[in-house]
N, C-alpha and C. Protein backbone atom coordinates (compact mmCIF):
# COMPACT_ATOMS: atom_id res chain seq x y z
N MET A 1 69.94 100.23 135.67
CA MET A 1 70.87 99.34 136.33
C MET A 1 71.27 99.96 137.66
N ASN A 2 71.23 99.17 138.73
CA ASN A 2 71.59 99.72 140.04
C ASN A 2 73.11 99.64 140.26
N VAL A 3 73.59 100.26 141.29
CA VAL A 3 75.02 100.34 141.57
C VAL A 3 75.63 98.95 141.77
N VAL A 4 74.94 98.08 142.46
CA VAL A 4 75.48 96.73 142.70
C VAL A 4 75.64 95.98 141.38
N THR A 5 74.61 95.99 140.55
CA THR A 5 74.67 95.31 139.27
C THR A 5 75.77 95.90 138.40
N GLU A 6 75.87 97.21 138.36
CA GLU A 6 76.88 97.87 137.55
C GLU A 6 78.28 97.49 138.02
N SER A 7 78.51 97.42 139.33
CA SER A 7 79.83 97.08 139.83
C SER A 7 80.21 95.65 139.49
N LEU A 8 79.22 94.77 139.34
CA LEU A 8 79.51 93.39 138.97
C LEU A 8 79.89 93.28 137.50
N LEU A 9 79.42 94.20 136.69
CA LEU A 9 79.69 94.16 135.26
C LEU A 9 80.91 94.98 134.86
N THR A 10 81.34 95.89 135.69
CA THR A 10 82.47 96.76 135.39
C THR A 10 83.73 96.20 136.02
N PRO A 11 84.72 95.84 135.20
CA PRO A 11 85.95 95.30 135.79
C PRO A 11 86.68 96.34 136.62
N GLU A 12 87.40 95.86 137.60
CA GLU A 12 88.18 96.77 138.43
C GLU A 12 89.32 97.35 137.60
N ASP A 13 89.81 98.53 137.99
CA ASP A 13 90.83 99.24 137.23
C ASP A 13 92.09 98.41 136.98
N TRP A 14 92.49 97.60 137.94
CA TRP A 14 93.75 96.86 137.80
C TRP A 14 93.70 95.85 136.67
N VAL A 15 92.52 95.42 136.27
CA VAL A 15 92.39 94.36 135.25
C VAL A 15 93.06 94.77 133.93
N ARG A 16 92.99 96.03 133.58
CA ARG A 16 93.57 96.45 132.30
C ARG A 16 95.09 96.28 132.26
N ASP A 17 95.74 96.21 133.42
CA ASP A 17 97.19 96.03 133.48
C ASP A 17 97.61 94.58 133.72
N ALA A 18 96.66 93.69 133.81
CA ALA A 18 96.95 92.28 134.11
C ALA A 18 97.55 91.58 132.89
N VAL A 19 98.62 90.86 133.11
CA VAL A 19 99.27 90.11 132.04
C VAL A 19 98.31 89.07 131.46
N CYS A 20 97.48 88.49 132.30
CA CYS A 20 96.56 87.45 131.85
C CYS A 20 95.49 87.97 130.89
N ALA A 21 95.33 89.29 130.81
CA ALA A 21 94.32 89.85 129.92
C ALA A 21 94.62 89.54 128.46
N THR A 22 95.86 89.20 128.16
CA THR A 22 96.24 88.88 126.79
C THR A 22 96.55 87.39 126.63
N THR A 23 96.11 86.60 127.57
CA THR A 23 96.36 85.16 127.59
C THR A 23 95.02 84.43 127.65
N SER A 24 95.00 83.23 127.14
CA SER A 24 93.77 82.44 127.17
C SER A 24 93.31 82.21 128.61
N PRO A 25 92.05 82.49 128.91
CA PRO A 25 91.54 82.27 130.27
C PRO A 25 91.61 80.79 130.68
N ASP A 26 91.61 79.89 129.71
CA ASP A 26 91.69 78.46 130.03
C ASP A 26 92.93 78.13 130.85
N LEU A 27 94.00 78.88 130.62
CA LEU A 27 95.24 78.65 131.35
C LEU A 27 95.06 78.89 132.85
N PHE A 28 94.20 79.81 133.22
CA PHE A 28 94.01 80.19 134.61
C PHE A 28 92.87 79.43 135.29
N PHE A 29 92.21 78.58 134.53
CA PHE A 29 91.14 77.74 135.07
C PHE A 29 91.36 76.30 134.60
N PRO A 30 92.48 75.70 135.05
CA PRO A 30 92.84 74.36 134.58
C PRO A 30 91.94 73.27 135.18
N ASP A 31 91.94 72.13 134.50
CA ASP A 31 91.23 70.97 135.03
C ASP A 31 91.89 70.54 136.34
N HIS A 32 91.10 69.95 137.22
CA HIS A 32 91.60 69.48 138.51
C HIS A 32 92.77 68.51 138.28
N GLY A 33 93.87 68.76 138.94
CA GLY A 33 95.04 67.89 138.85
C GLY A 33 95.99 68.20 137.71
N ASP A 34 95.67 69.19 136.89
CA ASP A 34 96.53 69.56 135.75
C ASP A 34 97.63 70.49 136.24
N MET A 35 98.63 69.91 136.87
CA MET A 35 99.68 70.71 137.50
C MET A 35 100.57 71.43 136.48
N GLU A 36 100.70 70.89 135.30
CA GLU A 36 101.49 71.56 134.27
C GLU A 36 100.87 72.91 133.92
N THR A 37 99.56 72.94 133.77
CA THR A 37 98.87 74.19 133.46
C THR A 37 98.90 75.14 134.66
N VAL A 38 98.76 74.60 135.86
CA VAL A 38 98.85 75.44 137.07
C VAL A 38 100.21 76.12 137.13
N ARG A 39 101.27 75.36 136.89
CA ARG A 39 102.62 75.95 136.93
C ARG A 39 102.79 77.01 135.85
N ALA A 40 102.25 76.77 134.67
CA ALA A 40 102.34 77.75 133.59
C ALA A 40 101.62 79.05 133.97
N ALA A 41 100.44 78.92 134.55
CA ALA A 41 99.69 80.10 134.98
C ALA A 41 100.45 80.87 136.06
N LYS A 42 101.01 80.15 137.00
CA LYS A 42 101.76 80.80 138.08
C LYS A 42 102.99 81.52 137.55
N ARG A 43 103.63 80.97 136.50
CA ARG A 43 104.79 81.66 135.89
C ARG A 43 104.35 82.99 135.29
N ILE A 44 103.20 83.00 134.65
CA ILE A 44 102.69 84.25 134.09
C ILE A 44 102.37 85.24 135.21
N CYS A 45 101.74 84.77 136.24
CA CYS A 45 101.40 85.63 137.38
C CYS A 45 102.65 86.24 138.02
N ALA A 46 103.73 85.48 138.04
CA ALA A 46 104.95 85.95 138.70
C ALA A 46 105.47 87.24 138.08
N SER A 47 105.20 87.46 136.80
CA SER A 47 105.69 88.67 136.14
C SER A 47 104.62 89.76 136.03
N CYS A 48 103.48 89.54 136.62
CA CYS A 48 102.36 90.47 136.48
C CYS A 48 102.48 91.65 137.44
N PRO A 49 102.32 92.87 136.94
CA PRO A 49 102.43 94.05 137.81
C PRO A 49 101.26 94.24 138.77
N VAL A 50 100.16 93.53 138.55
CA VAL A 50 98.98 93.68 139.42
C VAL A 50 98.66 92.38 140.15
N ARG A 51 99.67 91.59 140.39
CA ARG A 51 99.49 90.30 141.06
C ARG A 51 98.82 90.47 142.43
N THR A 52 99.27 91.43 143.20
CA THR A 52 98.72 91.66 144.54
C THR A 52 97.25 92.04 144.47
N GLU A 53 96.90 92.95 143.56
CA GLU A 53 95.52 93.38 143.41
C GLU A 53 94.62 92.20 143.01
N CYS A 54 95.14 91.35 142.14
CA CYS A 54 94.40 90.18 141.69
C CYS A 54 94.12 89.24 142.85
N ALA A 55 95.15 88.96 143.64
CA ALA A 55 94.99 88.07 144.80
C ALA A 55 94.01 88.67 145.80
N GLU A 56 94.12 89.96 146.06
CA GLU A 56 93.20 90.63 146.98
C GLU A 56 91.76 90.55 146.47
N TYR A 57 91.58 90.73 145.17
CA TYR A 57 90.25 90.62 144.58
C TYR A 57 89.69 89.22 144.78
N ALA A 58 90.51 88.20 144.51
CA ALA A 58 90.06 86.81 144.65
C ALA A 58 89.66 86.50 146.08
N ILE A 59 90.41 87.01 147.03
CA ILE A 59 90.10 86.77 148.44
C ILE A 59 88.82 87.53 148.83
N ARG A 60 88.73 88.78 148.42
CA ARG A 60 87.58 89.63 148.75
C ARG A 60 86.28 89.11 148.15
N THR A 61 86.35 88.54 146.95
CA THR A 61 85.14 88.09 146.25
C THR A 61 84.94 86.58 146.35
N ASN A 62 85.73 85.94 147.20
CA ASN A 62 85.56 84.52 147.49
C ASN A 62 85.64 83.63 146.25
N GLN A 63 86.65 83.88 145.42
CA GLN A 63 86.86 83.03 144.24
C GLN A 63 87.31 81.65 144.71
N THR A 64 86.68 80.62 144.22
CA THR A 64 86.97 79.26 144.67
C THR A 64 87.57 78.38 143.57
N TYR A 65 87.77 78.95 142.41
CA TYR A 65 88.29 78.17 141.30
C TYR A 65 89.23 79.04 140.49
N GLY A 66 90.31 78.48 140.03
CA GLY A 66 91.23 79.19 139.17
C GLY A 66 92.46 79.70 139.90
N ILE A 67 93.39 80.21 139.11
CA ILE A 67 94.63 80.78 139.62
C ILE A 67 94.44 82.29 139.65
N TRP A 68 94.62 82.87 140.81
CA TRP A 68 94.44 84.31 141.02
C TRP A 68 95.66 84.85 141.74
N GLY A 69 96.32 85.83 141.17
CA GLY A 69 97.49 86.41 141.81
C GLY A 69 98.58 85.39 142.08
N GLY A 70 98.64 84.37 141.25
CA GLY A 70 99.66 83.34 141.41
C GLY A 70 99.32 82.29 142.45
N MET A 71 98.09 82.31 142.94
CA MET A 71 97.69 81.36 143.99
C MET A 71 96.58 80.43 143.50
N ALA A 72 96.72 79.17 143.84
CA ALA A 72 95.70 78.17 143.54
C ALA A 72 94.60 78.25 144.60
N PRO A 73 93.46 77.64 144.35
CA PRO A 73 92.33 77.73 145.29
C PRO A 73 92.66 77.36 146.73
N LYS A 74 93.46 76.34 146.94
CA LYS A 74 93.81 75.93 148.30
C LYS A 74 94.55 77.04 149.04
N THR A 75 95.48 77.68 148.36
CA THR A 75 96.23 78.79 148.96
C THR A 75 95.32 79.98 149.21
N LEU A 76 94.43 80.25 148.26
CA LEU A 76 93.49 81.36 148.46
C LEU A 76 92.60 81.12 149.68
N ARG A 77 92.15 79.88 149.86
CA ARG A 77 91.31 79.57 151.05
C ARG A 77 92.09 79.83 152.33
N ALA A 78 93.35 79.43 152.36
CA ALA A 78 94.18 79.65 153.55
C ALA A 78 94.37 81.15 153.80
N GLU A 79 94.61 81.90 152.74
CA GLU A 79 94.78 83.34 152.89
C GLU A 79 93.48 84.00 153.36
N ARG A 80 92.36 83.52 152.88
CA ARG A 80 91.06 84.08 153.25
C ARG A 80 90.82 83.91 154.76
N ARG A 81 91.28 82.81 155.31
CA ARG A 81 91.09 82.58 156.75
C ARG A 81 91.92 83.53 157.60
N THR A 82 92.99 84.09 157.04
CA THR A 82 93.84 85.00 157.81
C THR A 82 93.38 86.44 157.74
N VAL A 83 92.41 86.71 156.87
CA VAL A 83 91.92 88.10 156.69
C VAL A 83 90.86 88.41 157.71
């Protein structure tokens, strides 16, 4: 396995401290327009100690779907343009 492949399979260190690690992933990847689920995910993110790292990861890796660091895809796209 090469370094690139290995880095894609190995989670970043901050993931082990993420509150969402003990929550159903479905909550963070809601159906389009499901604002109730989006709000629930954002509430969980608000108390997460690695929220910043999560958002930075989503921006750096161009995540286009899901709630990352308390941000929905539209917000992540806007943040990505400022980087």
